[in-house]
């Protein structure tokens, strides 16, 4: 490690904030900076990013290293999370670098859960508010329980009206129900483990939404099989049943989460994974149409770039020997602000050899390097906690050939998006 990098490694900690554009998955995703997010490190996923074949890098978020995350609790029981370079001492940093956890930033983070309890107003399909005044006064923990019972089971499709600033700026999303659920559950688990552990490793990844004014995000669970090779018999049975009862079995893809902006009503529509599991093939196609529909028109100009990206990804996966991307997702992202000019992504990905690895870990943790991708419509693979290939020497099962289940899902997705493009004038 060079002296310059070593000096930077002693930088102040970074206050982590909720990442409000998480629409699926169960892992807590946090905002590290404008262009970087972080999530709990899973060894298998970390191994995937560090050993990723060069042809696959353009189809995944850029890997930016690892940080150590610690949390504190204030006198009111609220939690804040702070990320540090792996080699630093969080206790020392907290004591000697007041600016790293200044009162304004700390207060903003720790009061976030309470703010959600009092200000999150969502409408269900029937248009009625599900949060009464009595509900607003409940504790964050009680709100979390209510969300499980009410939002995730009864109101699987939610409408959230955006807030506008006085400067007439574009509408901004401040929070969404799925992000809140994952964030609160993770904080609760960390709090329960506080006596035994207060340092966690998080992986840093590119924030795929950072350039967008109003990100529209579609999370698709890909493949006909979701359980990993190391899954217990019980877990295996549960995952097989989910696939059989959803579009995963029939077309190799199912909706896992969605956030889309409707410009006519100035609302964001949220769909969660419980809704996605229930969709028939016709319902899945309708949801895909809704994702590309602005409320006024189908965003036809997005379809061709998405198709091009999907076909390119399919070709790359067909040449990818031995990999299995079990339980992996595919993200499709575009800007709901229709004034943004649509452009096809230009890939500039620096090569990283073994000598760069240590520097990459620390430099990435400090917010650089950043790539120079420029895209308004994007398609990426994410979530590799159950990925395997013959290079993973600890795996007892070695697969041969292509991931046919994932490719099957891609082929059907391409067909459905092509149908949208061909009938976009209807």
Protein backbone atom coordinates (compact mmCIF):
# COMPACT_ATOMS: atom_id res chain seq x y z
CA UNK A 1 0.00 0.00 0.00
CA UNK A 2 1.44 3.36 -1.00
CA UNK A 3 1.96 6.11 1.63
CA UNK A 4 -0.69 8.23 -0.02
CA UNK A 5 -3.28 5.47 0.11
CA UNK A 6 -2.27 4.55 3.65
CA UNK A 7 -2.77 8.14 4.75
CA UNK A 8 -6.18 8.24 3.13
CA UNK A 9 -7.08 4.99 4.87
CA UNK A 10 -7.05 6.92 8.14
CA UNK A 11 -9.80 9.22 6.84
CA UNK A 12 -12.92 9.82 8.88
CA UNK A 13 -15.76 7.35 8.87
CA UNK A 14 -18.67 7.72 6.46
CA UNK A 15 -22.22 8.09 7.77
CA UNK A 16 -24.41 5.55 5.99
CA UNK A 17 -27.91 6.50 4.95
CA UNK A 18 -30.84 4.43 3.68
CA UNK A 19 -30.74 3.62 -0.02
CA UNK A 20 -34.24 4.58 -1.07
CA UNK A 21 -34.28 2.86 -4.46
CA UNK A 22 -34.10 -0.72 -3.21
CA UNK A 23 -37.22 -2.46 -4.53
CA UNK A 24 -36.43 -6.14 -3.93
CA UNK A 25 -34.24 -8.58 -2.07
CA UNK A 26 -33.98 -8.96 1.69
CA UNK A 27 -30.48 -7.65 2.34
CA UNK A 28 -30.14 -4.13 3.72
CA UNK A 29 -28.69 -1.80 1.08
CA UNK A 30 -27.28 1.53 2.29
CA UNK A 31 -26.07 4.70 0.58
CA UNK A 32 -22.32 5.17 1.07
CA UNK A 33 -22.06 8.19 -1.22
CA UNK A 34 -23.66 9.69 -4.28
CA UNK A 35 -22.24 7.03 -6.61
CA UNK A 36 -21.71 4.14 -4.19
CA UNK A 37 -23.93 1.82 -2.14
CA UNK A 38 -23.01 -0.91 0.31
CA UNK A 39 -24.57 -4.13 1.56
CA UNK A 40 -23.56 -6.82 4.07
CA UNK A 41 -20.62 -8.85 2.79
CA UNK A 42 -21.47 -12.44 1.85
CA UNK A 43 -18.24 -14.38 1.16
CA UNK A 44 -19.55 -16.11 -1.95
CA UNK A 45 -20.79 -12.86 -3.49
CA UNK A 46 -17.54 -11.12 -2.58
CA UNK A 47 -15.59 -13.91 -4.27
CA UNK A 48 -17.71 -13.52 -7.37
CA UNK A 49 -16.99 -9.81 -7.71
CA UNK A 50 -13.27 -10.26 -7.11
CA UNK A 51 -12.92 -13.11 -9.65
CA UNK A 52 -15.42 -11.84 -12.21
CA UNK A 53 -14.39 -12.60 -15.83
CA UNK A 54 -13.68 -9.43 -17.79
CA UNK A 55 -16.51 -10.02 -20.35
CA UNK A 56 -19.04 -10.10 -17.48
CA UNK A 57 -17.99 -6.84 -15.78
CA UNK A 58 -20.13 -4.65 -18.01
CA UNK A 59 -23.23 -6.55 -16.89
CA UNK A 60 -22.72 -6.12 -13.13
CA UNK A 61 -22.29 -3.15 -10.80
CA UNK A 62 -18.69 -2.06 -10.41
CA UNK A 63 -17.02 -3.55 -7.33
CA UNK A 64 -15.46 -0.85 -5.11
CA UNK A 65 -14.00 -2.66 -2.13
CA UNK A 66 -14.94 -3.51 1.45
CA UNK A 67 -15.53 -1.39 4.56
CA UNK A 68 -16.04 -2.11 8.24
CA UNK A 69 -19.42 -0.92 9.51
CA UNK A 70 -20.14 -0.13 13.16
CA UNK A 71 -23.25 1.21 14.82
CA UNK A 72 -24.03 3.36 17.84
CA UNK A 73 -27.13 3.95 19.85
CA UNK A 74 -28.12 7.30 21.25
CA UNK A 75 -29.95 7.95 24.50
CA UNK A 76 -33.29 7.50 22.79
CA UNK A 77 -32.40 4.11 21.37
CA UNK A 78 -31.96 5.26 17.77
CA UNK A 79 -29.19 3.71 15.70
CA UNK A 80 -26.70 5.16 13.23
CA UNK A 81 -24.27 3.27 11.03
CA UNK A 82 -20.74 4.42 10.19
CA UNK A 83 -18.37 2.85 7.63
CA UNK A 84 -14.58 2.83 8.02
CA UNK A 85 -11.69 1.49 5.95
CA UNK A 86 -11.00 -2.05 7.11
CA UNK A 87 -7.73 -1.28 8.91
CA UNK A 88 -8.98 1.66 10.96
CA UNK A 89 -10.11 1.60 14.56
CA UNK A 90 -13.76 2.75 14.72
CA UNK A 91 -13.54 3.65 18.43
CA UNK A 92 -10.54 5.89 17.82
CA UNK A 93 -12.08 7.46 14.74
CA UNK A 94 -15.29 8.23 16.56
CA UNK A 95 -13.42 9.82 19.44
CA UNK A 96 -10.97 11.89 17.40
CA UNK A 97 -12.97 12.87 14.33
CA UNK A 98 -16.09 14.67 15.45
CA UNK A 99 -16.78 15.88 11.92
CA UNK A 100 -17.20 12.31 10.71
CA UNK A 101 -20.34 11.96 12.80
CA UNK A 102 -21.39 15.59 13.14
CA UNK A 103 -24.63 16.27 14.92
CA UNK A 104 -26.64 17.22 11.83
CA UNK A 105 -25.66 14.11 9.89
CA UNK A 106 -26.03 11.82 12.87
CA UNK A 107 -29.39 13.27 13.79
CA UNK A 108 -30.62 12.94 10.21
CA UNK A 109 -29.73 9.27 10.13
CA UNK A 110 -30.92 8.27 13.57
CA UNK A 111 -34.23 10.07 13.26
CA UNK A 112 -34.94 8.47 9.88
CA UNK A 113 -36.94 5.59 11.33
CA UNK A 114 -39.09 7.94 13.40
CA UNK A 115 -39.61 10.22 10.42
CA UNK A 116 -40.88 7.25 8.45
CA UNK A 117 -43.28 6.32 11.21
CA UNK A 118 -44.83 9.78 11.18
CA UNK A 119 -44.67 10.88 7.55
CA UNK A 120 -44.90 7.86 5.26
CA UNK A 121 -48.33 8.01 3.68
CA UNK A 122 -49.20 5.40 1.08
CA UNK A 123 -52.39 4.62 -0.76
CA UNK A 124 -53.48 1.08 -1.52
CA UNK A 125 -55.21 -0.08 -4.69
CA UNK A 126 -58.54 1.26 -3.47
CA UNK A 127 -57.02 4.68 -2.84
CA UNK A 128 -57.59 4.73 0.91
CA UNK A 129 -54.81 5.65 3.30
CA UNK A 130 -53.61 2.70 5.36
CA UNK A 131 -51.99 4.85 8.04
CA UNK A 132 -54.39 6.39 10.55
CA UNK A 133 -53.34 9.08 13.04
CA UNK A 134 -53.15 6.38 15.67
CA UNK A 135 -50.75 4.37 13.48
CA UNK A 136 -48.44 7.38 13.12
CA UNK A 137 -47.88 7.47 16.87
CA UNK A 138 -46.69 3.88 17.05
CA UNK A 139 -43.07 3.01 17.65
CA UNK A 140 -40.74 2.12 14.79
CA UNK A 141 -40.78 -1.50 15.89
CA UNK A 142 -44.57 -1.58 15.87
CA UNK A 143 -44.58 0.07 12.46
CA UNK A 144 -42.31 -2.68 11.17
CA UNK A 145 -44.78 -5.31 12.39
CA UNK A 146 -47.66 -3.43 10.80
CA UNK A 147 -45.79 -3.31 7.50
CA UNK A 148 -45.39 -7.08 7.49
CA UNK A 149 -49.09 -7.59 8.16
CA UNK A 150 -50.58 -4.75 6.16
CA UNK A 151 -48.30 -3.55 3.37
CA UNK A 152 -46.59 -6.77 2.39
CA UNK A 153 -49.66 -9.00 2.46
CA UNK A 154 -52.70 -6.82 1.86
CA UNK A 155 -51.28 -3.88 -0.07
CA UNK A 156 -48.77 -5.40 -2.47
CA UNK A 157 -49.19 -2.51 -4.90
CA UNK A 158 -48.70 0.93 -3.37
CA UNK A 159 -48.95 4.49 -4.67
CA UNK A 160 -46.79 7.22 -3.21
CA UNK A 161 -47.18 10.87 -4.18
CA UNK A 162 -43.86 12.65 -4.65
CA UNK A 163 -42.86 15.82 -2.85
CA UNK A 164 -41.73 18.91 -4.74
CA UNK A 165 -39.37 21.58 -3.50
CA UNK A 166 -40.26 25.25 -3.64
CA UNK A 167 -37.74 25.73 -6.44
CA UNK A 168 -39.91 23.70 -8.83
CA UNK A 169 -37.17 21.10 -9.12
CA UNK A 170 -37.94 17.61 -10.39
CA UNK A 171 -39.89 15.39 -7.95
CA UNK A 172 -37.72 13.48 -5.50
CA UNK A 173 -38.26 10.16 -3.76
CA UNK A 174 -37.39 10.31 -0.07
CA UNK A 175 -38.23 6.75 0.94
CA UNK A 176 -40.06 3.62 -0.15
CA UNK A 177 -41.76 0.85 1.85
CA UNK A 178 -39.43 -1.99 0.86
CA UNK A 179 -36.30 -0.02 1.65
CA UNK A 180 -37.76 0.84 5.05
CA UNK A 181 -38.59 -2.79 5.76
CA UNK A 182 -35.12 -4.11 4.93
CA UNK A 183 -33.37 -1.26 6.73
CA UNK A 184 -35.30 -1.58 9.96
CA UNK A 185 -35.01 -5.37 10.07
CA UNK A 186 -31.25 -5.20 9.61
CA UNK A 187 -30.80 -2.52 12.28
CA UNK A 188 -32.86 -4.62 14.67
CA UNK A 189 -30.68 -7.67 14.05
CA UNK A 190 -27.52 -5.62 14.61
CA UNK A 191 -28.95 -4.20 17.80
CA UNK A 192 -29.80 -7.67 19.12
CA UNK A 193 -26.24 -8.83 18.40
CA UNK A 194 -24.63 -5.72 19.89
CA UNK A 195 -23.30 -7.49 22.99
CA UNK A 196 -21.45 -10.03 20.87
CA UNK A 197 -20.52 -8.08 17.76
CA UNK A 198 -20.39 -4.45 16.66
CA UNK A 199 -18.30 -4.55 13.51
CA UNK A 200 -19.55 -5.90 10.21
CA UNK A 201 -17.96 -6.09 6.79
CA UNK A 202 -19.93 -4.47 3.98
CA UNK A 203 -19.18 -4.68 0.26
CA UNK A 204 -19.10 -1.45 -1.76
CA UNK A 205 -20.77 -1.39 -5.16
CA UNK A 206 -21.65 1.13 -7.85
CA UNK A 207 -24.95 2.93 -7.33
CA UNK A 208 -26.74 2.27 -10.61
CA UNK A 209 -29.39 4.94 -9.99
CA UNK A 210 -27.23 7.92 -9.09
CA UNK A 211 -27.54 9.81 -12.40
CA UNK A 212 -31.31 9.55 -12.53
CA UNK A 213 -33.68 12.28 -11.37
CA UNK A 214 -36.58 9.87 -10.74
CA UNK A 215 -35.21 6.31 -11.00
CA UNK A 216 -37.61 3.68 -12.27
CA UNK A 217 -36.35 0.28 -11.14
CA UNK A 218 -37.48 -3.23 -12.08
CA UNK A 219 -36.04 -6.18 -10.13
CA UNK A 220 -36.52 -9.54 -11.87
CA UNK A 221 -35.62 -12.86 -10.27
CA UNK A 222 -34.00 -14.88 -13.04
CA UNK A 223 -33.84 -18.60 -13.73
CA UNK A 224 -35.99 -21.67 -13.20
CA UNK A 225 -34.16 -22.62 -10.00
CA UNK A 226 -33.47 -20.37 -7.01
CA UNK A 227 -31.85 -22.55 -4.33
CA UNK A 228 -28.08 -22.84 -4.09
CA UNK A 229 -26.20 -26.12 -4.04
CA UNK A 230 -25.64 -25.73 -0.29
CA UNK A 231 -29.31 -25.19 0.55
CA UNK A 232 -30.89 -27.36 3.23
CA UNK A 233 -33.65 -29.75 2.20
CA UNK A 234 -36.19 -27.44 3.83
CA UNK A 235 -34.85 -24.36 2.02
CA UNK A 236 -34.69 -26.28 -1.23
CA UNK A 237 -38.33 -27.36 -0.92
CA UNK A 238 -39.45 -23.79 -0.17
CA UNK A 239 -37.60 -22.36 -3.19
CA UNK A 240 -38.86 -25.09 -5.51
CA UNK A 241 -42.43 -24.41 -4.40
CA UNK A 242 -42.03 -20.65 -5.01
CA UNK A 243 -40.78 -21.34 -8.52
CA UNK A 244 -43.56 -23.81 -9.29
CA UNK A 245 -46.23 -21.39 -8.08
CA UNK A 246 -44.90 -18.42 -10.06
CA UNK A 247 -43.73 -17.52 -13.55
CA UNK A 248 -40.22 -18.74 -12.64
CA UNK A 249 -41.14 -22.28 -13.68
CA UNK A 250 -42.91 -21.39 -16.91
CA UNK A 251 -40.73 -18.59 -18.31
CA UNK A 252 -37.64 -18.49 -16.05
CA UNK A 253 -38.30 -15.00 -14.70
CA UNK A 254 -40.58 -13.42 -12.11
CA UNK A 255 -41.16 -9.94 -10.75
CA UNK A 256 -39.30 -9.36 -7.47
CA UNK A 257 -39.91 -5.64 -7.06
CA UNK A 258 -40.78 -2.53 -9.02
CA UNK A 259 -40.74 1.24 -8.67
CA UNK A 260 -42.11 3.28 -11.58
CA UNK A 261 -43.04 6.94 -11.93
CA UNK A 262 -46.43 7.99 -13.31
CA UNK A 263 -46.08 11.53 -14.60
CA UNK A 264 -49.83 12.07 -15.06
CA UNK A 265 -50.55 11.64 -11.34
CA UNK A 266 -47.06 12.55 -10.04
CA UNK A 267 -46.95 9.24 -8.18
CA UNK A 268 -44.56 6.35 -7.82
CA UNK A 269 -46.04 2.87 -8.03
CA UNK A 270 -44.41 0.17 -5.90
CA UNK A 271 -44.88 -3.56 -6.44
CA UNK A 272 -43.26 -6.02 -4.06
CA UNK A 273 -42.15 -9.62 -4.43
CA UNK A 274 -45.35 -11.01 -2.88
CA UNK A 275 -47.32 -9.46 -5.71
CA UNK A 276 -44.76 -10.72 -8.23
CA UNK A 277 -45.10 -14.31 -7.07
CA UNK A 278 -48.84 -14.27 -7.75
CA UNK A 279 -48.62 -12.99 -11.31
CA UNK A 280 -49.64 -15.24 -14.18
CA UNK A 281 -47.86 -14.93 -17.51
CA UNK A 282 -50.48 -12.41 -18.62
CA UNK A 283 -50.09 -10.53 -15.35
CA UNK A 284 -46.30 -10.48 -15.72
CA UNK A 285 -46.62 -9.02 -19.22
CA UNK A 286 -49.03 -6.40 -17.92
CA UNK A 287 -46.60 -5.46 -15.13
CA UNK A 288 -43.78 -5.13 -17.65
CA UNK A 289 -45.96 -2.85 -19.75
CA UNK A 290 -46.72 -0.79 -16.66
CA UNK A 291 -43.01 -0.46 -15.91
CA UNK A 292 -42.39 1.18 -19.27
CA UNK A 293 -45.61 3.23 -19.17
CA UNK A 294 -45.26 6.81 -17.97
CA UNK A 295 -48.93 7.31 -17.19
CA UNK A 296 -49.33 9.12 -20.49
CA UNK A 297 -47.57 6.88 -23.00
CA UNK A 298 -45.42 3.80 -23.41
CA UNK A 299 -41.73 4.78 -23.27
CA UNK A 300 -41.07 3.22 -26.66
CA UNK A 301 -37.63 4.83 -26.95
CA UNK A 302 -36.40 2.68 -24.04
CA UNK A 303 -37.33 -0.68 -25.49
CA UNK A 304 -34.73 -0.97 -28.24
CA UNK A 305 -31.78 -0.18 -25.92
CA UNK A 306 -33.10 -2.65 -23.35
CA UNK A 307 -33.45 -5.37 -25.99
CA UNK A 308 -29.97 -4.70 -27.27
CA UNK A 309 -28.58 -5.00 -23.77
CA UNK A 310 -30.49 -8.23 -23.04
CA UNK A 311 -29.28 -9.86 -26.26
CA UNK A 312 -25.71 -8.84 -25.51
CA UNK A 313 -26.03 -10.30 -22.02
CA UNK A 314 -27.46 -13.54 -23.42
CA UNK A 315 -24.47 -13.94 -25.74
CA UNK A 316 -22.08 -13.37 -22.85
CA UNK A 317 -23.83 -15.93 -20.64
CA UNK A 318 -23.89 -18.50 -23.42
CA UNK A 319 -20.10 -18.20 -23.53
CA UNK A 320 -19.84 -18.37 -19.72
CA UNK A 321 -18.77 -21.89 -18.81
CA UNK A 322 -19.74 -23.60 -15.52
CA UNK A 323 -21.39 -20.57 -13.84
CA UNK A 324 -24.78 -20.91 -12.15
CA UNK A 325 -26.46 -17.70 -11.00
CA UNK A 326 -28.99 -19.19 -8.60
CA UNK A 327 -31.29 -16.62 -6.96
CA UNK A 328 -29.66 -13.80 -8.91
CA UNK A 329 -31.68 -10.81 -10.09
CA UNK A 330 -31.72 -8.62 -13.15
CA UNK A 331 -32.23 -4.86 -12.76
CA UNK A 332 -33.68 -2.64 -15.46
CA UNK A 333 -33.32 1.05 -14.65
CA UNK A 334 -34.31 4.24 -16.46
CA UNK A 335 -35.17 7.82 -15.60
CA UNK A 336 -38.82 8.66 -15.07
CA UNK A 337 -38.01 12.26 -16.02
CA UNK A 338 -38.93 12.21 -19.71
CA UNK A 339 -36.95 15.36 -20.41
CA UNK A 340 -33.72 13.39 -20.01
CA UNK A 341 -32.30 12.41 -23.38
CA UNK A 342 -32.10 8.65 -23.89
CA UNK A 343 -28.68 7.35 -24.85
CA UNK A 344 -27.15 3.92 -25.19
CA UNK A 345 -24.62 3.04 -22.52
CA UNK A 346 -20.94 3.59 -23.27
CA UNK A 347 -18.74 1.20 -21.34
CA UNK A 348 -15.39 2.31 -19.96
CA UNK A 349 -14.19 -0.29 -17.47
CA UNK A 350 -10.61 -0.12 -16.20
CA UNK A 351 -8.81 -3.43 -16.00
CA UNK A 352 -7.69 -4.47 -12.53
CA UNK A 353 -4.91 -6.98 -11.99
CA UNK A 354 -3.83 -8.67 -8.78
CA UNK A 355 -1.45 -5.85 -7.86
CA UNK A 356 -4.35 -3.39 -7.85
CA UNK A 357 -6.53 -5.40 -5.50
CA UNK A 358 -5.36 -3.96 -2.19
CA UNK A 359 -5.38 -0.40 -3.50
CA UNK A 360 -8.81 -1.00 -5.01
CA UNK A 361 -10.21 -2.14 -1.67
CA UNK A 362 -9.07 0.99 0.16
CA UNK A 363 -9.46 3.50 -2.64
CA UNK A 364 -12.94 2.20 -3.36
CA UNK A 365 -13.84 2.62 0.29
CA UNK A 366 -12.90 6.28 0.05
CA UNK A 367 -15.16 6.86 -2.91
CA UNK A 368 -12.92 6.31 -5.96
CA UNK A 369 -12.23 5.29 -8.67
CA UNK A 370 -15.52 5.98 -10.41
CA UNK A 371 -16.21 4.67 -13.86
CA UNK A 372 -17.39 6.90 -16.68
CA UNK A 373 -20.50 5.04 -17.73
CA UNK A 374 -23.20 7.23 -19.14
CA UNK A 375 -26.65 5.72 -19.47
CA UNK A 376 -30.28 6.59 -19.06
CA UNK A 377 -31.46 3.01 -19.58
CA UNK A 378 -29.48 0.26 -17.94
CA UNK A 379 -29.65 -3.51 -17.46
CA UNK A 380 -27.48 -5.28 -14.86
CA UNK A 381 -27.14 -8.56 -13.01
CA UNK A 382 -27.07 -8.32 -9.20
CA UNK A 383 -27.16 -10.56 -6.10
CA UNK A 384 -24.63 -13.37 -6.28
CA UNK A 385 -24.89 -14.94 -2.82
CA UNK A 386 -25.65 -18.35 -4.35
CA UNK A 387 -23.52 -18.15 -7.49
CA UNK A 388 -21.14 -20.99 -8.21
CA UNK A 389 -18.61 -22.09 -10.83
CA UNK A 390 -15.78 -24.60 -11.14
CA UNK A 391 -13.28 -21.99 -9.92
CA UNK A 392 -14.88 -22.01 -6.46
CA UNK A 393 -12.73 -24.79 -5.06
CA UNK A 394 -14.71 -25.20 -1.84
CA UNK A 395 -17.89 -26.14 -3.75
CA UNK A 396 -18.72 -29.83 -3.77
CA UNK A 397 -20.89 -29.57 -6.89
CA UNK A 398 -19.31 -28.58 -10.20
CA UNK A 399 -21.64 -27.70 -13.06
CA UNK A 400 -20.81 -28.02 -16.73
CA UNK A 401 -21.89 -25.82 -19.62
CA UNK A 402 -24.24 -22.84 -19.52
CA UNK A 403 -26.75 -21.68 -16.94
CA UNK A 404 -29.67 -22.82 -19.08
CA UNK A 405 -32.31 -21.70 -16.58
CA UNK A 406 -31.06 -18.11 -16.53
CA UNK A 407 -30.66 -18.04 -20.32
CA UNK A 408 -34.18 -19.45 -20.70
CA UNK A 409 -35.48 -16.54 -18.62
CA UNK A 410 -33.50 -14.03 -20.69
CA UNK A 411 -34.88 -15.45 -23.92
CA UNK A 412 -38.47 -15.16 -22.68
CA UNK A 413 -37.85 -11.66 -21.36
CA UNK A 414 -36.48 -10.65 -24.76
CA UNK A 415 -39.60 -12.09 -26.42
CA UNK A 416 -41.95 -10.19 -24.10
CA UNK A 417 -40.13 -6.86 -24.47
CA UNK A 418 -40.08 -7.42 -28.26
CA UNK A 419 -43.86 -7.88 -28.18
CA UNK A 420 -44.13 -4.56 -26.34
CA UNK A 421 -41.99 -2.88 -28.96
CA UNK A 422 -43.94 -4.36 -31.86
CA UNK A 423 -47.32 -3.38 -30.42
CA UNK A 424 -46.32 -0.10 -28.83
CA UNK A 425 -48.76 1.86 -30.99
CA UNK A 426 -51.78 -0.13 -29.78
